[in-house]
Amino acid sequence: MDTELQKINLQGFIYVADSAAMTLEKQEQSRRAKTYLITRGGNHLKIVKQSLKQAD
């Protein structure tokens, strides 16, 4: 997870969203606007799986 976080430049705008933002359309809109979405991710997401594995 540290590797993934190091790729992110958190100097820009960060939007804290509910889990409804976890759609492809919302993520593409965020990418085009050069913003970051922070939301609760489901257990099926790769980064969540990696985090849970590290926590064990």
PDB file of N, CA and C in Angstrom:
ATOM      1  N   MET A   1       0.817  -1.188   0.000  1.00  0.00           N
ATOM      2  CA  MET A   1       0.000   0.000   0.000  1.00  0.00           C
ATOM      3  C   MET A   1       0.864   1.257   0.000  1.00  0.00           C
ATOM      4  N   ASP A   2       2.006   1.215   0.672  1.00  0.00           N
ATOM      5  CA  ASP A   2       2.897   2.372   0.690  1.00  0.00           C
ATOM      6  C   ASP A   2       3.299   2.765  -0.725  1.00  0.00           C
ATOM      7  N   THR A   3       3.551   1.768  -1.565  1.00  0.00           N
ATOM      8  CA  THR A   3       3.932   2.032  -2.953  1.00  0.00           C
ATOM      9  C   THR A   3       2.823   2.765  -3.681  1.00  0.00           C
ATOM     10  N   GLU A   4       1.584   2.336  -3.475  1.00  0.00           N
ATOM     11  CA  GLU A   4       0.442   2.987  -4.114  1.00  0.00           C
ATOM     12  C   GLU A   4       0.293   4.423  -3.630  1.00  0.00           C
ATOM     13  N   LEU A   5       0.438   4.648  -2.348  1.00  0.00           N
ATOM     14  CA  LEU A   5       0.282   5.997  -1.794  1.00  0.00           C
ATOM     15  C   LEU A   5       1.382   6.938  -2.255  1.00  0.00           C
ATOM     16  N   GLN A   6       2.583   6.422  -2.472  1.00  0.00           N
ATOM     17  CA  GLN A   6       3.689   7.253  -2.925  1.00  0.00           C
ATOM     18  C   GLN A   6       3.474   7.777  -4.342  1.00  0.00           C
ATOM     19  N   LYS A   7       2.611   7.132  -5.112  1.00  0.00           N
ATOM     20  CA  LYS A   7       2.320   7.557  -6.473  1.00  0.00           C
ATOM     21  C   LYS A   7       1.376   8.757  -6.511  1.00  0.00           C
ATOM     22  N   ILE A   8       0.765   9.073  -5.383  1.00  0.00           N
ATOM     23  CA  ILE A   8      -0.265  10.109  -5.345  1.00  0.00           C
ATOM     24  C   ILE A   8       0.320  11.438  -4.873  1.00  0.00           C
ATOM     25  N   ASN A   9       0.028  12.500  -5.618  1.00  0.00           N
ATOM     26  CA  ASN A   9       0.418  13.843  -5.224  1.00  0.00           C
ATOM     27  C   ASN A   9      -0.793  14.469  -4.523  1.00  0.00           C
ATOM     28  N   LEU A  10      -0.741  14.580  -3.219  1.00  0.00           N
ATOM     29  CA  LEU A  10      -1.885  15.092  -2.461  1.00  0.00           C
ATOM     30  C   LEU A  10      -1.857  16.609  -2.312  1.00  0.00           C
ATOM     31  N   GLN A  11      -1.205  17.300  -3.224  1.00  0.00           N
ATOM     32  CA  GLN A  11      -1.176  18.757  -3.179  1.00  0.00           C
ATOM     33  C   GLN A  11      -2.407  19.365  -3.847  1.00  0.00           C
ATOM     34  N   GLY A  12      -3.152  18.576  -4.600  1.00  0.00           N
ATOM     35  CA  GLY A  12      -4.308  19.080  -5.331  1.00  0.00           C
ATOM     36  C   GLY A  12      -5.588  18.981  -4.529  1.00  0.00           C
ATOM     37  N   PHE A  13      -6.690  19.109  -5.244  1.00  0.00           N
ATOM     38  CA  PHE A  13      -8.015  19.054  -4.646  1.00  0.00           C
ATOM     39  C   PHE A  13      -8.382  17.621  -4.311  1.00  0.00           C
ATOM     40  N   ILE A  14      -8.919  17.399  -3.121  1.00  0.00           N
ATOM     41  CA  ILE A  14      -9.342  16.071  -2.686  1.00  0.00           C
ATOM     42  C   ILE A  14     -10.829  16.135  -2.353  1.00  0.00           C
ATOM     43  N   TYR A  15     -11.612  15.239  -2.964  1.00  0.00           N
ATOM     44  CA  TYR A  15     -13.050  15.185  -2.741  1.00  0.00           C
ATOM     45  C   TYR A  15     -13.364  13.955  -1.911  1.00  0.00           C
ATOM     46  N   VAL A  16     -13.954  14.153  -0.741  1.00  0.00           N
ATOM     47  CA  VAL A  16     -14.348  13.049   0.125  1.00  0.00           C
ATOM     48  C   VAL A  16     -15.788  12.708  -0.211  1.00  0.00           C
ATOM     49  N   ALA A  17     -15.995  11.493  -0.711  1.00  0.00           N
ATOM     50  CA  ALA A  17     -17.297  11.108  -1.240  1.00  0.00           C
ATOM     51  C   ALA A  17     -17.857   9.894  -0.512  1.00  0.00           C
ATOM     52  N   ASP A  18     -19.159   9.694  -0.653  1.00  0.00           N
ATOM     53  CA  ASP A  18     -19.744   8.466  -0.112  1.00  0.00           C
ATOM     54  C   ASP A  18     -19.487   7.329  -1.105  1.00  0.00           C
ATOM     55  N   SER A  19     -19.895   6.139  -0.757  1.00  0.00           N
ATOM     56  CA  SER A  19     -19.570   4.982  -1.597  1.00  0.00           C
ATOM     57  C   SER A  19     -20.252   5.017  -2.958  1.00  0.00           C
ATOM     58  N   ALA A  20     -21.227   5.878  -3.165  1.00  0.00           N
ATOM     59  CA  ALA A  20     -21.861   6.017  -4.480  1.00  0.00           C
ATOM     60  C   ALA A  20     -20.884   6.557  -5.518  1.00  0.00           C
ATOM     61  N   ALA A  21     -19.784   7.130  -5.077  1.00  0.00           N
ATOM     62  CA  ALA A  21     -18.781   7.667  -6.001  1.00  0.00           C
ATOM     63  C   ALA A  21     -17.933   6.564  -6.616  1.00  0.00           C
ATOM     64  N   MET A  22     -18.101   5.346  -6.181  1.00  0.00           N
ATOM     65  CA  MET A  22     -17.300   4.248  -6.703  1.00  0.00           C
ATOM     66  C   MET A  22     -17.911   3.677  -7.987  1.00  0.00           C
ATOM     67  N   THR A  23     -18.199   4.561  -8.921  1.00  0.00           N
ATOM     68  CA  THR A  23     -18.654   4.139 -10.238  1.00  0.00           C
ATOM     69  C   THR A  23     -17.605   4.566 -11.249  1.00  0.00           C
ATOM     70  N   LEU A  24     -17.572   3.879 -12.375  1.00  0.00           N
ATOM     71  CA  LEU A  24     -16.605   4.219 -13.411  1.00  0.00           C
ATOM     72  C   LEU A  24     -16.809   5.651 -13.889  1.00  0.00           C
ATOM     73  N   GLU A  25     -18.068   6.066 -14.045  1.00  0.00           N
ATOM     74  CA  GLU A  25     -18.364   7.426 -14.505  1.00  0.00           C
ATOM     75  C   GLU A  25     -17.813   8.483 -13.544  1.00  0.00           C
ATOM     76  N   LYS A  26     -18.059   8.303 -12.248  1.00  0.00           N
ATOM     77  CA  LYS A  26     -17.568   9.275 -11.250  1.00  0.00           C
ATOM     78  C   LYS A  26     -16.047   9.295 -11.205  1.00  0.00           C
ATOM     79  N   GLN A  27     -15.428   8.132 -11.327  1.00  0.00           N
ATOM     80  CA  GLN A  27     -13.967   8.081 -11.302  1.00  0.00           C
ATOM     81  C   GLN A  27     -13.373   8.745 -12.537  1.00  0.00           C
ATOM     82  N   GLU A  28     -14.001   8.567 -13.688  1.00  0.00           N
ATOM     83  CA  GLU A  28     -13.524   9.231 -14.902  1.00  0.00           C
ATOM     84  C   GLU A  28     -13.697  10.745 -14.809  1.00  0.00           C
ATOM     85  N   GLN A  29     -14.809  11.196 -14.237  1.00  0.00           N
ATOM     86  CA  GLN A  29     -15.019  12.633 -14.041  1.00  0.00           C
ATOM     87  C   GLN A  29     -13.945  13.198 -13.121  1.00  0.00           C
ATOM     88  N   SER A  30     -13.638  12.489 -12.077  1.00  0.00           N
ATOM     89  CA  SER A  30     -12.609  12.924 -11.133  1.00  0.00           C
ATOM     90  C   SER A  30     -11.247  12.985 -11.812  1.00  0.00           C
ATOM     91  N   ARG A  31     -10.940  11.984 -12.624  1.00  0.00           N
ATOM     92  CA  ARG A  31      -9.662  11.943 -13.329  1.00  0.00           C
ATOM     93  C   ARG A  31      -9.535  13.118 -14.293  1.00  0.00           C
ATOM     94  N   ARG A  32     -10.617  13.405 -15.029  1.00  0.00           N
ATOM     95  CA  ARG A  32     -10.582  14.534 -15.978  1.00  0.00           C
ATOM     96  C   ARG A  32     -10.430  15.866 -15.250  1.00  0.00           C
ATOM     97  N   ALA A  33     -11.011  15.980 -14.066  1.00  0.00           N
ATOM     98  CA  ALA A  33     -10.919  17.212 -13.281  1.00  0.00           C
ATOM     99  C   ALA A  33      -9.611  17.288 -12.487  1.00  0.00           C
ATOM    100  N   LYS A  34      -8.790  16.232 -12.587  1.00  0.00           N
ATOM    101  CA  LYS A  34      -7.511  16.163 -11.869  1.00  0.00           C
ATOM    102  C   LYS A  34      -7.707  16.310 -10.368  1.00  0.00           C
ATOM    103  N   THR A  35      -8.710  15.607  -9.853  1.00  0.00           N
ATOM    104  CA  THR A  35      -8.967  15.574  -8.415  1.00  0.00           C
ATOM    105  C   THR A  35      -8.803  14.146  -7.916  1.00  0.00           C
ATOM    106  N   TYR A  36      -8.789  13.975  -6.631  1.00  0.00           N
ATOM    107  CA  TYR A  36      -8.740  12.660  -6.011  1.00  0.00           C
ATOM    108  C   TYR A  36     -10.039  12.425  -5.274  1.00  0.00           C
ATOM    109  N   LEU A  37     -10.544  11.202  -5.369  1.00  0.00           N
ATOM    110  CA  LEU A  37     -11.724  10.789  -4.611  1.00  0.00           C
ATOM    111  C   LEU A  37     -11.268   9.961  -3.430  1.00  0.00           C
ATOM    112  N   ILE A  38     -11.750  10.300  -2.277  1.00  0.00           N
ATOM    113  CA  ILE A  38     -11.512   9.478  -1.095  1.00  0.00           C
ATOM    114  C   ILE A  38     -12.876   8.977  -0.657  1.00  0.00           C
ATOM    115  N   THR A  39     -13.006   7.668  -0.581  1.00  0.00           N
ATOM    116  CA  THR A  39     -14.276   7.064  -0.205  1.00  0.00           C
ATOM    117  C   THR A  39     -14.006   5.698   0.415  1.00  0.00           C
ATOM    118  N   ARG A  40     -15.000   5.173   1.034  1.00  0.00           N
ATOM    119  CA  ARG A  40     -14.872   3.826   1.581  1.00  0.00           C
ATOM    120  C   ARG A  40     -14.965   2.854   0.415  1.00  0.00           C
ATOM    121  N   GLY A  41     -13.956   2.038   0.270  1.00  0.00           N
ATOM    122  CA  GLY A  41     -13.941   1.070  -0.824  1.00  0.00           C
ATOM    123  C   GLY A  41     -14.415  -0.288  -0.359  1.00  0.00           C
ATOM    124  N   GLY A  42     -15.062  -0.982  -1.246  1.00  0.00           N
ATOM    125  CA  GLY A  42     -15.527  -2.333  -0.938  1.00  0.00           C
ATOM    126  C   GLY A  42     -14.374  -3.329  -0.884  1.00  0.00           C
ATOM    127  N   ASN A  43     -14.619  -4.474  -0.283  1.00  0.00           N
ATOM    128  CA  ASN A  43     -13.584  -5.493  -0.127  1.00  0.00           C
ATOM    129  C   ASN A  43     -13.128  -6.094  -1.445  1.00  0.00           C
ATOM    130  N   HIS A  44     -13.834  -5.837  -2.532  1.00  0.00           N
ATOM    131  CA  HIS A  44     -13.448  -6.387  -3.827  1.00  0.00           C
ATOM    132  C   HIS A  44     -12.369  -5.556  -4.528  1.00  0.00           C
ATOM    133  N   LEU A  45     -12.064  -4.361  -4.027  1.00  0.00           N
ATOM    134  CA  LEU A  45     -11.061  -3.505  -4.657  1.00  0.00           C
ATOM    135  C   LEU A  45      -9.652  -3.987  -4.325  1.00  0.00           C
ATOM    136  N   LYS A  46      -8.774  -3.917  -5.325  1.00  0.00           N
ATOM    137  CA  LYS A  46      -7.399  -4.401  -5.180  1.00  0.00           C
ATOM    138  C   LYS A  46      -6.673  -3.748  -4.005  1.00  0.00           C
ATOM    139  N   ILE A  47      -6.784  -2.441  -3.881  1.00  0.00           N
ATOM    140  CA  ILE A  47      -6.050  -1.745  -2.806  1.00  0.00           C
ATOM    141  C   ILE A  47      -6.585  -2.123  -1.426  1.00  0.00           C
ATOM    142  N   VAL A  48      -7.887  -2.413  -1.340  1.00  0.00           N
ATOM    143  CA  VAL A  48      -8.470  -2.856  -0.062  1.00  0.00           C
ATOM    144  C   VAL A  48      -7.950  -4.247   0.271  1.00  0.00           C
ATOM    145  N   LYS A  49      -7.914  -5.135  -0.723  1.00  0.00           N
ATOM    146  CA  LYS A  49      -7.394  -6.482  -0.501  1.00  0.00           C
ATOM    147  C   LYS A  49      -5.937  -6.437  -0.038  1.00  0.00           C
ATOM    148  N   GLN A  50      -5.123  -5.564  -0.680  1.00  0.00           N
ATOM    149  CA  GLN A  50      -3.716  -5.429  -0.306  1.00  0.00           C
ATOM    150  C   GLN A  50      -3.584  -4.932   1.135  1.00  0.00           C
ATOM    151  N   SER A  51      -4.407  -3.964   1.497  1.00  0.00           N
ATOM    152  CA  SER A  51      -4.354  -3.399   2.851  1.00  0.00           C
ATOM    153  C   SER A  51      -4.729  -4.441   3.900  1.00  0.00           C
ATOM    154  N   LEU A  52      -5.777  -5.207   3.617  1.00  0.00           N
ATOM    155  CA  LEU A  52      -6.203  -6.237   4.557  1.00  0.00           C
ATOM    156  C   LEU A  52      -5.140  -7.315   4.710  1.00  0.00           C
ATOM    157  N   LYS A  53      -4.476  -7.670   3.612  1.00  0.00           N
ATOM    158  CA  LYS A  53      -3.425  -8.674   3.672  1.00  0.00           C
ATOM    159  C   LYS A  53      -2.255  -8.176   4.521  1.00  0.00           C
ATOM    160  N   GLN A  54      -1.904  -6.891   4.349  1.00  0.00           N
ATOM    161  CA  GLN A  54      -0.800  -6.305   5.132  1.00  0.00           C
ATOM    162  C   GLN A  54      -1.152  -6.236   6.606  1.00  0.00           C
ATOM    163  N   ALA A  55      -2.419  -5.988   6.927  1.00  0.00           N
ATOM    164  CA  ALA A  55      -2.842  -5.832   8.315  1.00  0.00           C
ATOM    165  C   ALA A  55      -2.790  -7.157   9.081  1.00  0.00           C
ATOM    166  N   ASP A  56      -2.901  -8.268   8.365  1.00  0.00           N
ATOM    167  CA  ASP A  56      -2.899  -9.593   9.039  1.00  0.00           C
ATOM    168  C   ASP A  56      -1.570  -9.967   9.599  1.00  0.00           C
TER     169      ASP A  56
END
